[in-house]
Amino acid sequence: MTRQEVIQKQTDEIMDEFDFGLVRKTFEENGWTYHGKPITPSLGELRQTARGVIRSAADHGFSCTGRFAATCAEDSDEKWLRLSLMFTPTS
């Protein structure tokens, strides 16, 4: 598998398993919004933000925005790679 294939596979797994419903509920309960909009972000907007954070972490090792943080750990020979996504309810 190429590095890009591994990144895509792990991203898909994260996106399938991550509890975006809980994240949205937390946003609603705290009155959090994105970009000054007066409404809670939709599940689609949360998923889009999370996917972007994961992609950026794959390129730079770490990324965070929109209360999401992602990391990418890999060895120097690129023989293994592990992506992770976290919801960070504190700013």
PDB file of N, CA and C in Angstrom:
ATOM      1  N   MET A   1       0.835  -1.185   0.000  1.00  0.00           N
ATOM      2  CA  MET A   1       0.000   0.000   0.000  1.00  0.00           C
ATOM      3  C   MET A   1       0.882   1.253   0.000  1.00  0.00           C
ATOM      4  N   THR A   2       0.488   2.211  -0.779  1.00  0.00           N
ATOM      5  CA  THR A   2       1.226   3.473  -0.790  1.00  0.00           C
ATOM      6  C   THR A   2       0.852   4.297   0.447  1.00  0.00           C
ATOM      7  N   ARG A   3       1.637   5.313   0.721  1.00  0.00           N
ATOM      8  CA  ARG A   3       1.355   6.202   1.851  1.00  0.00           C
ATOM      9  C   ARG A   3      -0.032   6.828   1.695  1.00  0.00           C
ATOM     10  N   GLN A   4      -0.362   7.284   0.505  1.00  0.00           N
ATOM     11  CA  GLN A   4      -1.668   7.905   0.265  1.00  0.00           C
ATOM     12  C   GLN A   4      -2.810   6.923   0.483  1.00  0.00           C
ATOM     13  N   GLU A   5      -2.613   5.682   0.083  1.00  0.00           N
ATOM     14  CA  GLU A   5      -3.644   4.663   0.296  1.00  0.00           C
ATOM     15  C   GLU A   5      -3.855   4.400   1.789  1.00  0.00           C
ATOM     16  N   VAL A   6      -2.758   4.367   2.548  1.00  0.00           N
ATOM     17  CA  VAL A   6      -2.860   4.166   3.999  1.00  0.00           C
ATOM     18  C   VAL A   6      -3.596   5.348   4.632  1.00  0.00           C
ATOM     19  N   ILE A   7      -3.233   6.563   4.216  1.00  0.00           N
ATOM     20  CA  ILE A   7      -3.895   7.760   4.737  1.00  0.00           C
ATOM     21  C   ILE A   7      -5.386   7.715   4.424  1.00  0.00           C
ATOM     22  N   GLN A   8      -5.743   7.379   3.195  1.00  0.00           N
ATOM     23  CA  GLN A   8      -7.153   7.322   2.808  1.00  0.00           C
ATOM     24  C   GLN A   8      -7.907   6.262   3.602  1.00  0.00           C
ATOM     25  N   LYS A   9      -7.309   5.091   3.762  1.00  0.00           N
ATOM     26  CA  LYS A   9      -7.950   4.000   4.499  1.00  0.00           C
ATOM     27  C   LYS A   9      -8.178   4.398   5.954  1.00  0.00           C
ATOM     28  N   GLN A  10      -7.159   4.960   6.590  1.00  0.00           N
ATOM     29  CA  GLN A  10      -7.305   5.343   7.991  1.00  0.00           C
ATOM     30  C   GLN A  10      -8.286   6.512   8.151  1.00  0.00           C
ATOM     31  N   THR A  11      -8.262   7.452   7.228  1.00  0.00           N
ATOM     32  CA  THR A  11      -9.207   8.572   7.265  1.00  0.00           C
ATOM     33  C   THR A  11     -10.633   8.051   7.164  1.00  0.00           C
ATOM     34  N   ASP A  12     -10.870   7.145   6.235  1.00  0.00           N
ATOM     35  CA  ASP A  12     -12.213   6.565   6.079  1.00  0.00           C
ATOM     36  C   ASP A  12     -12.655   5.846   7.360  1.00  0.00           C
ATOM     37  N   GLU A  13     -11.748   5.105   7.980  1.00  0.00           N
ATOM     38  CA  GLU A  13     -12.077   4.397   9.221  1.00  0.00           C
ATOM     39  C   GLU A  13     -12.423   5.380  10.335  1.00  0.00           C
ATOM     40  N   ILE A  14     -11.627   6.432  10.466  1.00  0.00           N
ATOM     41  CA  ILE A  14     -11.894   7.442  11.491  1.00  0.00           C
ATOM     42  C   ILE A  14     -13.251   8.085  11.246  1.00  0.00           C
ATOM     43  N   MET A  15     -13.511   8.463  10.004  1.00  0.00           N
ATOM     44  CA  MET A  15     -14.765   9.142   9.679  1.00  0.00           C
ATOM     45  C   MET A  15     -15.969   8.238   9.926  1.00  0.00           C
ATOM     46  N   ASP A  16     -15.811   6.934   9.716  1.00  0.00           N
ATOM     47  CA  ASP A  16     -16.897   5.977   9.947  1.00  0.00           C
ATOM     48  C   ASP A  16     -17.150   5.733  11.436  1.00  0.00           C
ATOM     49  N   GLU A  17     -16.100   5.767  12.247  1.00  0.00           N
ATOM     50  CA  GLU A  17     -16.207   5.370  13.647  1.00  0.00           C
ATOM     51  C   GLU A  17     -16.363   6.535  14.620  1.00  0.00           C
ATOM     52  N   PHE A  18     -15.982   7.743  14.220  1.00  0.00           N
ATOM     53  CA  PHE A  18     -16.016   8.895  15.117  1.00  0.00           C
ATOM     54  C   PHE A  18     -17.462   9.289  15.408  1.00  0.00           C
ATOM     55  N   ASP A  19     -17.749   9.647  16.636  1.00  0.00           N
ATOM     56  CA  ASP A  19     -19.118   9.982  17.041  1.00  0.00           C
ATOM     57  C   ASP A  19     -19.398  11.475  16.801  1.00  0.00           C
ATOM     58  N   PHE A  20     -19.695  11.815  15.554  1.00  0.00           N
ATOM     59  CA  PHE A  20     -19.976  13.207  15.211  1.00  0.00           C
ATOM     60  C   PHE A  20     -21.296  13.680  15.816  1.00  0.00           C
ATOM     61  N   GLY A  21     -22.200  12.759  16.073  1.00  0.00           N
ATOM     62  CA  GLY A  21     -23.462  13.115  16.736  1.00  0.00           C
ATOM     63  C   GLY A  21     -23.212  13.667  18.133  1.00  0.00           C
ATOM     64  N   LEU A  22     -22.307  13.044  18.869  1.00  0.00           N
ATOM     65  CA  LEU A  22     -21.959  13.525  20.203  1.00  0.00           C
ATOM     66  C   LEU A  22     -21.285  14.892  20.124  1.00  0.00           C
ATOM     67  N   VAL A  23     -20.430  15.069  19.134  1.00  0.00           N
ATOM     68  CA  VAL A  23     -19.773  16.366  18.946  1.00  0.00           C
ATOM     69  C   VAL A  23     -20.820  17.439  18.678  1.00  0.00           C
ATOM     70  N   ARG A  24     -21.755  17.150  17.800  1.00  0.00           N
ATOM     71  CA  ARG A  24     -22.793  18.142  17.472  1.00  0.00           C
ATOM     72  C   ARG A  24     -23.641  18.457  18.700  1.00  0.00           C
ATOM     73  N   LYS A  25     -23.963  17.439  19.475  1.00  0.00           N
ATOM     74  CA  LYS A  25     -24.730  17.644  20.698  1.00  0.00           C
ATOM     75  C   LYS A  25     -23.965  18.557  21.655  1.00  0.00           C
ATOM     76  N   THR A  26     -22.673  18.361  21.779  1.00  0.00           N
ATOM     77  CA  THR A  26     -21.851  19.201  22.645  1.00  0.00           C
ATOM     78  C   THR A  26     -21.833  20.641  22.136  1.00  0.00           C
ATOM     79  N   PHE A  27     -21.741  20.800  20.815  1.00  0.00           N
ATOM     80  CA  PHE A  27     -21.816  22.142  20.224  1.00  0.00           C
ATOM     81  C   PHE A  27     -23.148  22.801  20.587  1.00  0.00           C
ATOM     82  N   GLU A  28     -24.238  22.062  20.416  1.00  0.00           N
ATOM     83  CA  GLU A  28     -25.565  22.608  20.706  1.00  0.00           C
ATOM     84  C   GLU A  28     -25.690  23.024  22.172  1.00  0.00           C
ATOM     85  N   GLU A  29     -25.268  22.138  23.070  1.00  0.00           N
ATOM     86  CA  GLU A  29     -25.391  22.396  24.505  1.00  0.00           C
ATOM     87  C   GLU A  29     -24.574  23.603  24.956  1.00  0.00           C
ATOM     88  N   ASN A  30     -23.485  23.886  24.257  1.00  0.00           N
ATOM     89  CA  ASN A  30     -22.609  24.992  24.645  1.00  0.00           C
ATOM     90  C   ASN A  30     -22.807  26.247  23.800  1.00  0.00           C
ATOM     91  N   GLY A  31     -23.685  26.161  22.807  1.00  0.00           N
ATOM     92  CA  GLY A  31     -23.941  27.318  21.950  1.00  0.00           C
ATOM     93  C   GLY A  31     -22.763  27.682  21.060  1.00  0.00           C
ATOM     94  N   TRP A  32     -21.928  26.698  20.721  1.00  0.00           N
ATOM     95  CA  TRP A  32     -20.767  26.949  19.874  1.00  0.00           C
ATOM     96  C   TRP A  32     -21.189  26.981  18.413  1.00  0.00           C
ATOM     97  N   THR A  33     -20.530  27.819  17.638  1.00  0.00           N
ATOM     98  CA  THR A  33     -20.806  27.927  16.206  1.00  0.00           C
ATOM     99  C   THR A  33     -19.481  28.021  15.457  1.00  0.00           C
ATOM    100  N   TYR A  34     -19.563  28.021  14.136  1.00  0.00           N
ATOM    101  CA  TYR A  34     -18.399  28.213  13.267  1.00  0.00           C
ATOM    102  C   TYR A  34     -18.549  29.526  12.512  1.00  0.00           C
ATOM    103  N   HIS A  35     -17.452  30.206  12.362  1.00  0.00           N
ATOM    104  CA  HIS A  35     -17.358  31.368  11.477  1.00  0.00           C
ATOM    105  C   HIS A  35     -18.415  32.438  11.757  1.00  0.00           C
ATOM    106  N   GLY A  36     -18.769  32.620  13.015  1.00  0.00           N
ATOM    107  CA  GLY A  36     -19.723  33.653  13.368  1.00  0.00           C
ATOM    108  C   GLY A  36     -21.157  33.380  12.945  1.00  0.00           C
ATOM    109  N   LYS A  37     -21.427  32.181  12.458  1.00  0.00           N
ATOM    110  CA  LYS A  37     -22.803  31.829  12.078  1.00  0.00           C
ATOM    111  C   LYS A  37     -23.642  31.684  13.347  1.00  0.00           C
ATOM    112  N   PRO A  38     -24.913  32.031  13.278  1.00  0.00           N
ATOM    113  CA  PRO A  38     -25.748  31.973  14.477  1.00  0.00           C
ATOM    114  C   PRO A  38     -26.298  30.582  14.814  1.00  0.00           C
ATOM    115  N   ILE A  39     -25.924  29.566  14.038  1.00  0.00           N
ATOM    116  CA  ILE A  39     -26.469  28.226  14.273  1.00  0.00           C
ATOM    117  C   ILE A  39     -25.350  27.211  14.493  1.00  0.00           C
ATOM    118  N   THR A  40     -25.723  26.115  15.137  1.00  0.00           N
ATOM    119  CA  THR A  40     -24.794  25.010  15.355  1.00  0.00           C
ATOM    120  C   THR A  40     -24.399  24.408  14.011  1.00  0.00           C
ATOM    121  N   PRO A  41     -23.121  24.081  13.820  1.00  0.00           N
ATOM    122  CA  PRO A  41     -22.729  23.455  12.552  1.00  0.00           C
ATOM    123  C   PRO A  41     -23.468  22.125  12.343  1.00  0.00           C
ATOM    124  N   SER A  42     -23.766  21.844  11.095  1.00  0.00           N
ATOM    125  CA  SER A  42     -24.421  20.578  10.752  1.00  0.00           C
ATOM    126  C   SER A  42     -23.418  19.435  10.890  1.00  0.00           C
ATOM    127  N   LEU A  43     -23.946  18.221  10.870  1.00  0.00           N
ATOM    128  CA  LEU A  43     -23.056  17.058  10.887  1.00  0.00           C
ATOM    129  C   LEU A  43     -22.111  17.103   9.688  1.00  0.00           C
ATOM    130  N   GLY A  44     -22.617  17.526   8.536  1.00  0.00           N
ATOM    131  CA  GLY A  44     -21.784  17.622   7.336  1.00  0.00           C
ATOM    132  C   GLY A  44     -20.654  18.620   7.509  1.00  0.00           C
ATOM    133  N   GLU A  45     -20.946  19.761   8.121  1.00  0.00           N
ATOM    134  CA  GLU A  45     -19.905  20.764   8.352  1.00  0.00           C
ATOM    135  C   GLU A  45     -18.861  20.256   9.342  1.00  0.00           C
ATOM    136  N   LEU A  46     -19.318  19.571  10.387  1.00  0.00           N
ATOM    137  CA  LEU A  46     -18.374  19.005  11.353  1.00  0.00           C
ATOM    138  C   LEU A  46     -17.497  17.951  10.690  1.00  0.00           C
ATOM    139  N   ARG A  47     -18.104  17.100   9.884  1.00  0.00           N
ATOM    140  CA  ARG A  47     -17.340  16.055   9.193  1.00  0.00           C
ATOM    141  C   ARG A  47     -16.335  16.672   8.212  1.00  0.00           C
ATOM    142  N   GLN A  48     -16.753  17.706   7.509  1.00  0.00           N
ATOM    143  CA  GLN A  48     -15.860  18.370   6.557  1.00  0.00           C
ATOM    144  C   GLN A  48     -14.663  18.991   7.282  1.00  0.00           C
ATOM    145  N   THR A  49     -14.914  19.634   8.404  1.00  0.00           N
ATOM    146  CA  THR A  49     -13.834  20.230   9.192  1.00  0.00           C
ATOM    147  C   THR A  49     -12.881  19.150   9.691  1.00  0.00           C
ATOM    148  N   ALA A  50     -13.441  18.067  10.219  1.00  0.00           N
ATOM    149  CA  ALA A  50     -12.615  16.981  10.735  1.00  0.00           C
ATOM    150  C   ALA A  50     -11.748  16.363   9.636  1.00  0.00           C
ATOM    151  N   ARG A  51     -12.339  16.144   8.471  1.00  0.00           N
ATOM    152  CA  ARG A  51     -11.574  15.565   7.355  1.00  0.00           C
ATOM    153  C   ARG A  51     -10.415  16.487   6.959  1.00  0.00           C
ATOM    154  N   GLY A  52     -10.661  17.785   6.941  1.00  0.00           N
ATOM    155  CA  GLY A  52      -9.601  18.734   6.618  1.00  0.00           C
ATOM    156  C   GLY A  52      -8.484  18.724   7.646  1.00  0.00           C
ATOM    157  N   VAL A  53      -8.842  18.582   8.915  1.00  0.00           N
ATOM    158  CA  VAL A  53      -7.840  18.523   9.982  1.00  0.00           C
ATOM    159  C   VAL A  53      -7.003  17.257   9.830  1.00  0.00           C
ATOM    160  N   ILE A  54      -7.640  16.146   9.507  1.00  0.00           N
ATOM    161  CA  ILE A  54      -6.900  14.893   9.308  1.00  0.00           C
ATOM    162  C   ILE A  54      -5.941  15.026   8.126  1.00  0.00           C
ATOM    163  N   ARG A  55      -6.401  15.572   7.017  1.00  0.00           N
ATOM    164  CA  ARG A  55      -5.541  15.746   5.835  1.00  0.00           C
ATOM    165  C   ARG A  55      -4.333  16.620   6.151  1.00  0.00           C
ATOM    166  N   SER A  56      -4.579  17.702   6.875  1.00  0.00           N
ATOM    167  CA  SER A  56      -3.485  18.600   7.235  1.00  0.00           C
ATOM    168  C   SER A  56      -2.490  17.905   8.165  1.00  0.00           C
ATOM    169  N   ALA A  57      -2.981  17.117   9.102  1.00  0.00           N
ATOM    170  CA  ALA A  57      -2.091  16.373   9.997  1.00  0.00           C
ATOM    171  C   ALA A  57      -1.252  15.365   9.224  1.00  0.00           C
ATOM    172  N   ALA A  58      -1.833  14.744   8.199  1.00  0.00           N
ATOM    173  CA  ALA A  58      -1.079  13.792   7.383  1.00  0.00           C
ATOM    174  C   ALA A  58       0.100  14.481   6.696  1.00  0.00           C
ATOM    175  N   ASP A  59      -0.069  15.762   6.363  1.00  0.00           N
ATOM    176  CA  ASP A  59       1.002  16.523   5.708  1.00  0.00           C
ATOM    177  C   ASP A  59       1.993  17.137   6.688  1.00  0.00           C
ATOM    178  N   HIS A  60       1.510  17.517   7.876  1.00  0.00           N
ATOM    179  CA  HIS A  60       2.339  18.306   8.789  1.00  0.00           C
ATOM    180  C   HIS A  60       2.578  17.665  10.151  1.00  0.00           C
ATOM    181  N   GLY A  61       1.979  16.514  10.413  1.00  0.00           N
ATOM    182  CA  GLY A  61       2.179  15.832  11.689  1.00  0.00           C
ATOM    183  C   GLY A  61       1.138  16.175  12.740  1.00  0.00           C
ATOM    184  N   PHE A  62       0.624  17.403  12.694  1.00  0.00           N
ATOM    185  CA  PHE A  62      -0.392  17.838  13.655  1.00  0.00           C
ATOM    186  C   PHE A  62      -1.209  18.946  13.026  1.00  0.00           C
ATOM    187  N   SER A  63      -2.490  18.985  13.370  1.00  0.00           N
ATOM    188  CA  SER A  63      -3.351  20.059  12.898  1.00  0.00           C
ATOM    189  C   SER A  63      -4.524  20.198  13.859  1.00  0.00           C
ATOM    190  N   CYS A  64      -5.005  21.420  14.020  1.00  0.00           N
ATOM    191  CA  CYS A  64      -6.198  21.618  14.835  1.00  0.00           C
ATOM    192  C   CYS A  64      -6.954  22.848  14.356  1.00  0.00           C
ATOM    193  N   THR A  65      -8.268  22.718  14.360  1.00  0.00           N
ATOM    194  CA  THR A  65      -9.182  23.819  14.070  1.00  0.00           C
ATOM    195  C   THR A  65     -10.601  23.337  14.335  1.00  0.00           C
ATOM    196  N   GLY A  66     -11.490  24.255  14.620  1.00  0.00           N
ATOM    197  CA  GLY A  66     -12.891  23.918  14.792  1.00  0.00           C
ATOM    198  C   GLY A  66     -13.166  22.946  15.908  1.00  0.00           C
ATOM    199  N   ARG A  67     -12.324  22.987  16.947  1.00  0.00           N
ATOM    200  CA  ARG A  67     -12.403  22.096  18.107  1.00  0.00           C
ATOM    201  C   ARG A  67     -12.033  20.648  17.791  1.00  0.00           C
ATOM    202  N   PHE A  68     -11.384  20.421  16.666  1.00  0.00           N
ATOM    203  CA  PHE A  68     -10.824  19.120  16.327  1.00  0.00           C
ATOM    204  C   PHE A  68      -9.301  19.235  16.302  1.00  0.00           C
ATOM    205  N   ALA A  69      -8.639  18.159  16.695  1.00  0.00           N
ATOM    206  CA  ALA A  69      -7.183  18.073  16.587  1.00  0.00           C
ATOM    207  C   ALA A  69      -6.853  16.701  16.023  1.00  0.00           C
ATOM    208  N   ALA A  70      -5.874  16.665  15.135  1.00  0.00           N
ATOM    209  CA  ALA A  70      -5.458  15.391  14.541  1.00  0.00           C
ATOM    210  C   ALA A  70      -3.944  15.290  14.588  1.00  0.00           C
ATOM    211  N   THR A  71      -3.471  14.069  14.698  1.00  0.00           N
ATOM    212  CA  THR A  71      -2.037  13.813  14.667  1.00  0.00           C
ATOM    213  C   THR A  71      -1.740  12.725  13.641  1.00  0.00           C
ATOM    214  N   CYS A  72      -0.518  12.765  13.151  1.00  0.00           N
ATOM    215  CA  CYS A  72      -0.025  11.725  12.256  1.00  0.00           C
ATOM    216  C   CYS A  72       1.349  11.318  12.758  1.00  0.00           C
ATOM    217  N   ALA A  73       1.462  10.087  13.188  1.00  0.00           N
ATOM    218  CA  ALA A  73       2.737   9.555  13.650  1.00  0.00           C
ATOM    219  C   ALA A  73       3.228   8.538  12.631  1.00  0.00           C
ATOM    220  N   GLU A  74       4.484   8.646  12.266  1.00  0.00           N
ATOM    221  CA  GLU A  74       5.061   7.666  11.332  1.00  0.00           C
ATOM    222  C   GLU A  74       6.553   7.580  11.564  1.00  0.00           C
ATOM    223  N   ASP A  75       7.129   6.453  11.169  1.00  0.00           N
ATOM    224  CA  ASP A  75       8.569   6.321  11.327  1.00  0.00           C
ATOM    225  C   ASP A  75       9.285   7.044  10.192  1.00  0.00           C
ATOM    226  N   SER A  76      10.566   7.241  10.350  1.00  0.00           N
ATOM    227  CA  SER A  76      11.332   8.020   9.370  1.00  0.00           C
ATOM    228  C   SER A  76      11.408   7.336   8.006  1.00  0.00           C
ATOM    229  N   ASP A  77      11.245   6.037   7.968  1.00  0.00           N
ATOM    230  CA  ASP A  77      11.288   5.299   6.703  1.00  0.00           C
ATOM    231  C   ASP A  77       9.912   5.161   6.060  1.00  0.00           C
ATOM    232  N   GLU A  78       8.901   5.753   6.687  1.00  0.00           N
ATOM    233  CA  GLU A  78       7.515   5.673   6.209  1.00  0.00           C
ATOM    234  C   GLU A  78       7.048   4.229   6.036  1.00  0.00           C
ATOM    235  N   LYS A  79       7.480   3.346   6.954  1.00  0.00           N
ATOM    236  CA  LYS A  79       7.027   1.959   6.904  1.00  0.00           C
ATOM    237  C   LYS A  79       5.708   1.776   7.651  1.00  0.00           C
ATOM    238  N   TRP A  80       5.377   2.694   8.534  1.00  0.00           N
ATOM    239  CA  TRP A  80       4.090   2.659   9.224  1.00  0.00           C
ATOM    240  C   TRP A  80       3.631   4.091   9.474  1.00  0.00           C
ATOM    241  N   LEU A  81       2.339   4.219   9.642  1.00  0.00           N
ATOM    242  CA  LEU A  81       1.727   5.529   9.823  1.00  0.00           C
ATOM    243  C   LEU A  81       0.443   5.343  10.619  1.00  0.00           C
ATOM    244  N   ARG A  82       0.184   6.253  11.543  1.00  0.00           N
ATOM    245  CA  ARG A  82      -1.056   6.172  12.317  1.00  0.00           C
ATOM    246  C   ARG A  82      -1.661   7.560  12.474  1.00  0.00           C
ATOM    247  N   LEU A  83      -2.879   7.713  11.995  1.00  0.00           N
ATOM    248  CA  LEU A  83      -3.625   8.961  12.135  1.00  0.00           C
ATOM    249  C   LEU A  83      -4.580   8.852  13.317  1.00  0.00           C
ATOM    250  N   SER A  84      -4.803   9.972  13.984  1.00  0.00           N
ATOM    251  CA  SER A  84      -5.816   9.995  15.041  1.00  0.00           C
ATOM    252  C   SER A  84      -6.535  11.334  15.012  1.00  0.00           C
ATOM    253  N   LEU A  85      -7.785  11.321  15.429  1.00  0.00           N
ATOM    254  CA  LEU A  85      -8.609  12.522  15.493  1.00  0.00           C
ATOM    255  C   LEU A  85      -9.181  12.633  16.883  1.00  0.00           C
ATOM    256  N   MET A  86      -9.148  13.839  17.438  1.00  0.00           N
ATOM    257  CA  MET A  86      -9.692  14.092  18.763  1.00  0.00           C
ATOM    258  C   MET A  86     -10.629  15.296  18.703  1.00  0.00           C
ATOM    259  N   PHE A  87     -11.651  15.260  19.510  1.00  0.00           N
ATOM    260  CA  PHE A  87     -12.504  16.412  19.711  1.00  0.00           C
ATOM    261  C   PHE A  87     -11.970  17.139  20.925  1.00  0.00           C
ATOM    262  N   THR A  88     -11.721  18.431  20.785  1.00  0.00           N
ATOM    263  CA  THR A  88     -11.138  19.194  21.882  1.00  0.00           C
ATOM    264  C   THR A  88     -12.162  20.222  22.364  1.00  0.00           C
ATOM    265  N   PRO A  89     -12.957  19.870  23.373  1.00  0.00           N
ATOM    266  CA  PRO A  89     -14.027  20.765  23.802  1.00  0.00           C
ATOM    267  C   PRO A  89     -13.558  22.034  24.509  1.00  0.00           C
ATOM    268  N   THR A  90     -12.277  22.138  24.800  1.00  0.00           N
ATOM    269  CA  THR A  90     -11.744  23.386  25.346  1.00  0.00           C
ATOM    270  C   THR A  90     -10.937  24.072  24.269  1.00  0.00           C
ATOM    271  N   SER A  91     -10.966  25.397  24.267  1.00  0.00           N
ATOM    272  CA  SER A  91     -10.243  26.122  23.218  1.00  0.00           C
ATOM    273  C   SER A  91      -8.829  26.431  23.648  1.00  0.00           C
TER     274      SER A  91
END
